Amino acid sequence: MILGRIIGEVWATQKHERLEGAKAMLVARLRRDGARLVPTGEVVVALDDIGAQTGHIVTVSWGSGARAVFAPPDNRNVLVDAAISRIVDGYSVDEAGAGIDVEHTE
């Protein structure tokens, strides 16, 4: 799972029927720099069906975790490798260690 900021959206004229209603979002991965979160330069495409928008900080799940977020319970045949799993409402950075505590609405 990564923490990132949505920087845009990807459009497709055709997509698999199981992906109808989902948006493909461009997510800039974030890393800790002291007490701040800064972009790493890495950008990933993650599917979203929870309503995330440009500017939101989100968590992105990978692989089978992404399929579980996106299309439970019958998700074996869904072509999803990365999915937005949470919209982050707030966060705090543990300056003594390397931790980041994320706050989100269920």
N, C-alpha and C. Protein backbone atom coordinates (compact mmCIF):
# COMPACT_ATOMS: atom_id res chain seq x y z
N MET A 1 0.84 -1.16 0.00
CA MET A 1 0.00 0.00 0.00
C MET A 1 0.89 1.23 0.00
N ILE A 2 0.48 2.24 -0.78
CA ILE A 2 1.23 3.49 -0.81
C ILE A 2 0.30 4.65 -0.46
N LEU A 3 0.92 5.76 -0.12
CA LEU A 3 0.21 7.00 0.12
C LEU A 3 0.52 7.91 -1.07
N GLY A 4 -0.50 8.55 -1.64
CA GLY A 4 -0.26 9.40 -2.80
C GLY A 4 -1.29 10.51 -2.91
N ARG A 5 -1.02 11.44 -3.82
CA ARG A 5 -1.95 12.54 -4.11
C ARG A 5 -2.43 12.39 -5.54
N ILE A 6 -3.74 12.51 -5.75
CA ILE A 6 -4.30 12.41 -7.09
C ILE A 6 -3.94 13.68 -7.87
N ILE A 7 -3.34 13.47 -9.04
CA ILE A 7 -2.90 14.61 -9.85
C ILE A 7 -3.65 14.68 -11.19
N GLY A 8 -4.50 13.71 -11.48
CA GLY A 8 -5.23 13.74 -12.73
C GLY A 8 -6.03 12.48 -12.96
N GLU A 9 -6.63 12.40 -14.13
CA GLU A 9 -7.49 11.27 -14.50
C GLU A 9 -7.11 10.80 -15.89
N VAL A 10 -7.30 9.50 -16.14
CA VAL A 10 -7.05 8.91 -17.44
C VAL A 10 -8.39 8.49 -18.02
N TRP A 11 -8.61 8.80 -19.31
CA TRP A 11 -9.86 8.42 -19.96
C TRP A 11 -9.59 7.30 -20.96
N ALA A 12 -10.59 6.43 -21.13
CA ALA A 12 -10.51 5.36 -22.11
C ALA A 12 -11.86 5.24 -22.83
N THR A 13 -11.81 5.10 -24.15
CA THR A 13 -13.06 4.98 -24.90
C THR A 13 -13.67 3.60 -24.74
N GLN A 14 -12.84 2.60 -24.46
CA GLN A 14 -13.33 1.25 -24.27
C GLN A 14 -12.67 0.66 -23.03
N LYS A 15 -13.45 -0.09 -22.26
CA LYS A 15 -12.89 -0.81 -21.11
C LYS A 15 -13.73 -2.04 -20.84
N HIS A 16 -13.17 -2.94 -20.09
CA HIS A 16 -13.85 -4.19 -19.75
C HIS A 16 -15.14 -3.87 -19.00
N GLU A 17 -16.17 -4.66 -19.26
CA GLU A 17 -17.49 -4.41 -18.64
C GLU A 17 -17.44 -4.42 -17.11
N ARG A 18 -16.55 -5.19 -16.52
CA ARG A 18 -16.45 -5.21 -15.05
C ARG A 18 -15.86 -3.92 -14.48
N LEU A 19 -15.28 -3.08 -15.35
CA LEU A 19 -14.68 -1.83 -14.90
C LEU A 19 -15.59 -0.62 -15.13
N GLU A 20 -16.78 -0.84 -15.66
CA GLU A 20 -17.72 0.26 -15.88
C GLU A 20 -18.01 0.97 -14.56
N GLY A 21 -18.02 2.28 -14.60
CA GLY A 21 -18.29 3.07 -13.40
C GLY A 21 -17.06 3.45 -12.60
N ALA A 22 -15.92 2.86 -12.93
CA ALA A 22 -14.67 3.18 -12.23
C ALA A 22 -13.89 4.21 -13.02
N LYS A 23 -13.18 5.07 -12.31
CA LYS A 23 -12.31 6.06 -12.93
C LYS A 23 -10.87 5.60 -12.77
N ALA A 24 -10.06 5.87 -13.77
CA ALA A 24 -8.62 5.61 -13.69
C ALA A 24 -7.95 6.93 -13.32
N MET A 25 -7.32 6.95 -12.15
CA MET A 25 -6.74 8.18 -11.62
C MET A 25 -5.21 8.09 -11.63
N LEU A 26 -4.56 9.23 -11.91
CA LEU A 26 -3.11 9.34 -11.80
C LEU A 26 -2.77 9.73 -10.37
N VAL A 27 -1.96 8.91 -9.72
CA VAL A 27 -1.61 9.13 -8.32
C VAL A 27 -0.10 9.31 -8.19
N ALA A 28 0.32 10.47 -7.66
CA ALA A 28 1.73 10.74 -7.41
C ALA A 28 2.08 10.19 -6.03
N ARG A 29 3.00 9.25 -6.00
CA ARG A 29 3.41 8.65 -4.74
C ARG A 29 4.08 9.69 -3.84
N LEU A 30 3.79 9.61 -2.54
CA LEU A 30 4.36 10.54 -1.57
C LEU A 30 5.32 9.82 -0.64
N ARG A 31 6.31 10.54 -0.15
CA ARG A 31 7.23 10.01 0.84
C ARG A 31 7.39 11.05 1.94
N ARG A 32 7.90 10.59 3.04
CA ARG A 32 8.14 11.46 4.19
C ARG A 32 9.45 12.21 4.02
N ASP A 33 9.41 13.51 4.28
CA ASP A 33 10.61 14.34 4.31
C ASP A 33 10.50 15.20 5.56
N GLY A 34 11.08 14.72 6.65
CA GLY A 34 10.89 15.39 7.94
C GLY A 34 9.45 15.32 8.36
N ALA A 35 8.82 16.45 8.58
CA ALA A 35 7.42 16.49 9.00
C ALA A 35 6.47 16.70 7.83
N ARG A 36 6.99 16.61 6.61
CA ARG A 36 6.17 16.85 5.43
C ARG A 36 6.09 15.61 4.55
N LEU A 37 5.05 15.57 3.71
CA LEU A 37 4.95 14.56 2.67
C LEU A 37 5.26 15.23 1.35
N VAL A 38 6.18 14.64 0.58
CA VAL A 38 6.60 15.22 -0.69
C VAL A 38 6.51 14.14 -1.79
N PRO A 39 6.31 14.55 -3.05
CA PRO A 39 6.25 13.58 -4.15
C PRO A 39 7.59 12.90 -4.38
N THR A 40 7.53 11.63 -4.74
CA THR A 40 8.75 10.88 -5.04
C THR A 40 9.15 11.00 -6.51
N GLY A 41 8.23 11.44 -7.35
CA GLY A 41 8.45 11.46 -8.80
C GLY A 41 7.80 10.28 -9.49
N GLU A 42 7.37 9.27 -8.73
CA GLU A 42 6.70 8.11 -9.28
C GLU A 42 5.21 8.39 -9.39
N VAL A 43 4.62 8.05 -10.55
CA VAL A 43 3.18 8.21 -10.75
C VAL A 43 2.61 6.86 -11.17
N VAL A 44 1.49 6.48 -10.56
CA VAL A 44 0.82 5.22 -10.88
C VAL A 44 -0.61 5.50 -11.30
N VAL A 45 -1.19 4.57 -12.04
CA VAL A 45 -2.60 4.64 -12.39
C VAL A 45 -3.34 3.68 -11.48
N ALA A 46 -4.34 4.19 -10.77
CA ALA A 46 -5.13 3.36 -9.86
C ALA A 46 -6.61 3.56 -10.15
N LEU A 47 -7.37 2.46 -10.13
CA LEU A 47 -8.81 2.56 -10.34
C LEU A 47 -9.50 3.06 -9.08
N ASP A 48 -10.52 3.86 -9.28
CA ASP A 48 -11.26 4.46 -8.16
C ASP A 48 -12.75 4.26 -8.35
N ASP A 49 -13.40 3.75 -7.33
CA ASP A 49 -14.87 3.70 -7.33
C ASP A 49 -15.42 4.24 -6.01
N ILE A 50 -14.61 5.07 -5.29
CA ILE A 50 -15.08 5.65 -4.03
C ILE A 50 -15.22 7.17 -4.11
N GLY A 51 -14.99 7.75 -5.28
CA GLY A 51 -15.23 9.18 -5.45
C GLY A 51 -14.06 10.10 -5.18
N ALA A 52 -12.84 9.59 -5.27
CA ALA A 52 -11.66 10.44 -5.06
C ALA A 52 -11.55 11.44 -6.20
N GLN A 53 -10.99 12.61 -5.88
CA GLN A 53 -10.85 13.68 -6.87
C GLN A 53 -9.44 14.23 -6.87
N THR A 54 -9.11 14.97 -7.92
CA THR A 54 -7.80 15.60 -8.03
C THR A 54 -7.51 16.42 -6.77
N GLY A 55 -6.31 16.23 -6.21
CA GLY A 55 -5.91 16.94 -5.00
C GLY A 55 -6.05 16.11 -3.74
N HIS A 56 -6.91 15.10 -3.76
CA HIS A 56 -7.08 14.26 -2.57
C HIS A 56 -5.82 13.44 -2.31
N ILE A 57 -5.50 13.26 -1.03
CA ILE A 57 -4.48 12.30 -0.62
C ILE A 57 -5.21 10.98 -0.41
N VAL A 58 -4.66 9.91 -0.97
CA VAL A 58 -5.32 8.60 -0.93
C VAL A 58 -4.32 7.50 -0.58
N THR A 59 -4.85 6.35 -0.20
CA THR A 59 -4.03 5.15 -0.11
C THR A 59 -4.35 4.29 -1.33
N VAL A 60 -3.33 3.64 -1.87
CA VAL A 60 -3.48 2.78 -3.03
C VAL A 60 -3.08 1.37 -2.63
N SER A 61 -3.96 0.42 -2.90
CA SER A 61 -3.67 -1.00 -2.64
C SER A 61 -3.26 -1.66 -3.95
N TRP A 62 -2.44 -2.72 -3.84
CA TRP A 62 -1.87 -3.40 -5.00
C TRP A 62 -2.34 -4.85 -5.11
N GLY A 63 -2.27 -5.40 -6.30
CA GLY A 63 -2.49 -6.82 -6.55
C GLY A 63 -3.82 -7.34 -6.07
N SER A 64 -3.81 -8.47 -5.36
CA SER A 64 -5.07 -9.06 -4.90
C SER A 64 -5.78 -8.13 -3.92
N GLY A 65 -5.02 -7.31 -3.18
CA GLY A 65 -5.63 -6.31 -2.31
C GLY A 65 -6.43 -5.29 -3.10
N ALA A 66 -5.93 -4.91 -4.27
CA ALA A 66 -6.66 -3.98 -5.13
C ALA A 66 -7.94 -4.61 -5.66
N ARG A 67 -7.85 -5.86 -6.06
CA ARG A 67 -9.06 -6.54 -6.54
C ARG A 67 -10.08 -6.66 -5.43
N ALA A 68 -9.63 -6.93 -4.21
CA ALA A 68 -10.56 -7.05 -3.07
C ALA A 68 -11.24 -5.72 -2.78
N VAL A 69 -10.52 -4.61 -2.93
CA VAL A 69 -11.10 -3.27 -2.71
C VAL A 69 -12.09 -2.96 -3.81
N PHE A 70 -11.75 -3.31 -5.03
CA PHE A 70 -12.52 -2.86 -6.17
C PHE A 70 -13.74 -3.71 -6.48
N ALA A 71 -13.63 -5.00 -6.42
CA ALA A 71 -14.72 -5.83 -6.92
C ALA A 71 -15.00 -7.07 -6.07
N PRO A 72 -15.24 -6.91 -4.76
CA PRO A 72 -15.55 -8.10 -3.98
C PRO A 72 -16.96 -8.57 -4.28
N PRO A 73 -17.35 -9.79 -4.05
CA PRO A 73 -16.52 -10.90 -3.59
C PRO A 73 -15.95 -11.72 -4.74
N ASP A 74 -16.56 -11.66 -5.93
CA ASP A 74 -16.09 -12.46 -7.06
C ASP A 74 -15.13 -11.62 -7.89
N ASN A 75 -13.86 -11.58 -7.48
CA ASN A 75 -12.92 -10.67 -8.11
C ASN A 75 -11.77 -11.36 -8.83
N ARG A 76 -11.81 -12.65 -8.98
CA ARG A 76 -10.69 -13.38 -9.59
C ARG A 76 -10.41 -12.94 -11.01
N ASN A 77 -11.44 -12.58 -11.77
CA ASN A 77 -11.26 -12.25 -13.18
C ASN A 77 -11.28 -10.75 -13.46
N VAL A 78 -11.12 -9.93 -12.43
CA VAL A 78 -11.09 -8.49 -12.62
C VAL A 78 -9.66 -8.06 -12.89
N LEU A 79 -9.47 -7.27 -13.93
CA LEU A 79 -8.13 -6.84 -14.34
C LEU A 79 -7.74 -5.56 -13.62
N VAL A 80 -7.47 -5.68 -12.34
CA VAL A 80 -7.10 -4.51 -11.53
C VAL A 80 -5.83 -4.84 -10.77
N ASP A 81 -4.81 -4.00 -10.93
CA ASP A 81 -3.56 -4.20 -10.21
C ASP A 81 -3.37 -3.15 -9.12
N ALA A 82 -4.00 -1.97 -9.27
CA ALA A 82 -3.90 -0.91 -8.27
C ALA A 82 -5.27 -0.25 -8.12
N ALA A 83 -5.70 -0.06 -6.88
CA ALA A 83 -7.01 0.56 -6.62
C ALA A 83 -6.90 1.52 -5.44
N ILE A 84 -7.63 2.61 -5.53
CA ILE A 84 -7.69 3.55 -4.43
C ILE A 84 -8.57 2.94 -3.35
N SER A 85 -8.01 2.77 -2.15
CA SER A 85 -8.74 2.10 -1.08
C SER A 85 -9.27 3.05 -0.02
N ARG A 86 -8.70 4.24 0.11
CA ARG A 86 -9.15 5.22 1.10
C ARG A 86 -8.86 6.63 0.62
N ILE A 87 -9.73 7.55 1.00
CA ILE A 87 -9.45 8.98 0.87
C ILE A 87 -9.00 9.43 2.24
N VAL A 88 -7.82 10.02 2.33
CA VAL A 88 -7.23 10.40 3.61
C VAL A 88 -7.83 11.73 4.06
N ASP A 89 -8.38 11.76 5.27
CA ASP A 89 -8.93 12.98 5.85
C ASP A 89 -7.87 13.80 6.56
N GLY A 90 -6.83 13.15 7.05
CA GLY A 90 -5.75 13.84 7.75
C GLY A 90 -4.63 12.86 8.04
N TYR A 91 -3.49 13.39 8.43
CA TYR A 91 -2.36 12.53 8.76
C TYR A 91 -1.45 13.27 9.73
N SER A 92 -0.64 12.50 10.44
CA SER A 92 0.40 13.08 11.29
C SER A 92 1.67 12.27 11.07
N VAL A 93 2.80 12.95 11.16
CA VAL A 93 4.09 12.32 10.92
C VAL A 93 4.82 12.20 12.24
N ASP A 94 5.28 10.98 12.56
CA ASP A 94 6.05 10.71 13.76
C ASP A 94 7.48 11.18 13.51
N GLU A 95 7.84 12.33 14.06
CA GLU A 95 9.17 12.90 13.79
C GLU A 95 10.29 12.09 14.42
N ALA A 96 10.01 11.30 15.46
CA ALA A 96 11.04 10.49 16.11
C ALA A 96 11.36 9.23 15.31
N GLY A 97 10.35 8.71 14.59
CA GLY A 97 10.54 7.48 13.82
C GLY A 97 10.24 7.72 12.37
N ALA A 98 9.85 6.67 11.69
CA ALA A 98 9.57 6.78 10.26
C ALA A 98 8.09 6.65 9.98
N GLY A 99 7.25 6.71 11.00
CA GLY A 99 5.84 6.42 10.82
C GLY A 99 5.01 7.59 10.36
N ILE A 100 3.91 7.27 9.68
CA ILE A 100 2.89 8.22 9.28
C ILE A 100 1.56 7.64 9.72
N ASP A 101 0.82 8.35 10.56
CA ASP A 101 -0.52 7.92 10.97
C ASP A 101 -1.54 8.57 10.06
N VAL A 102 -2.40 7.75 9.46
CA VAL A 102 -3.39 8.23 8.51
C VAL A 102 -4.77 8.20 9.17
N GLU A 103 -5.52 9.29 8.98
CA GLU A 103 -6.90 9.36 9.48
C GLU A 103 -7.82 9.33 8.26
N HIS A 104 -8.90 8.54 8.37
CA HIS A 104 -9.85 8.45 7.26
C HIS A 104 -11.23 8.17 7.80
N THR A 105 -12.22 8.47 6.98
CA THR A 105 -13.61 8.19 7.31
C THR A 105 -13.95 6.81 6.79
N GLU A 106 -14.60 6.00 7.59
CA GLU A 106 -15.00 4.65 7.15
C GLU A 106 -16.07 4.74 6.11
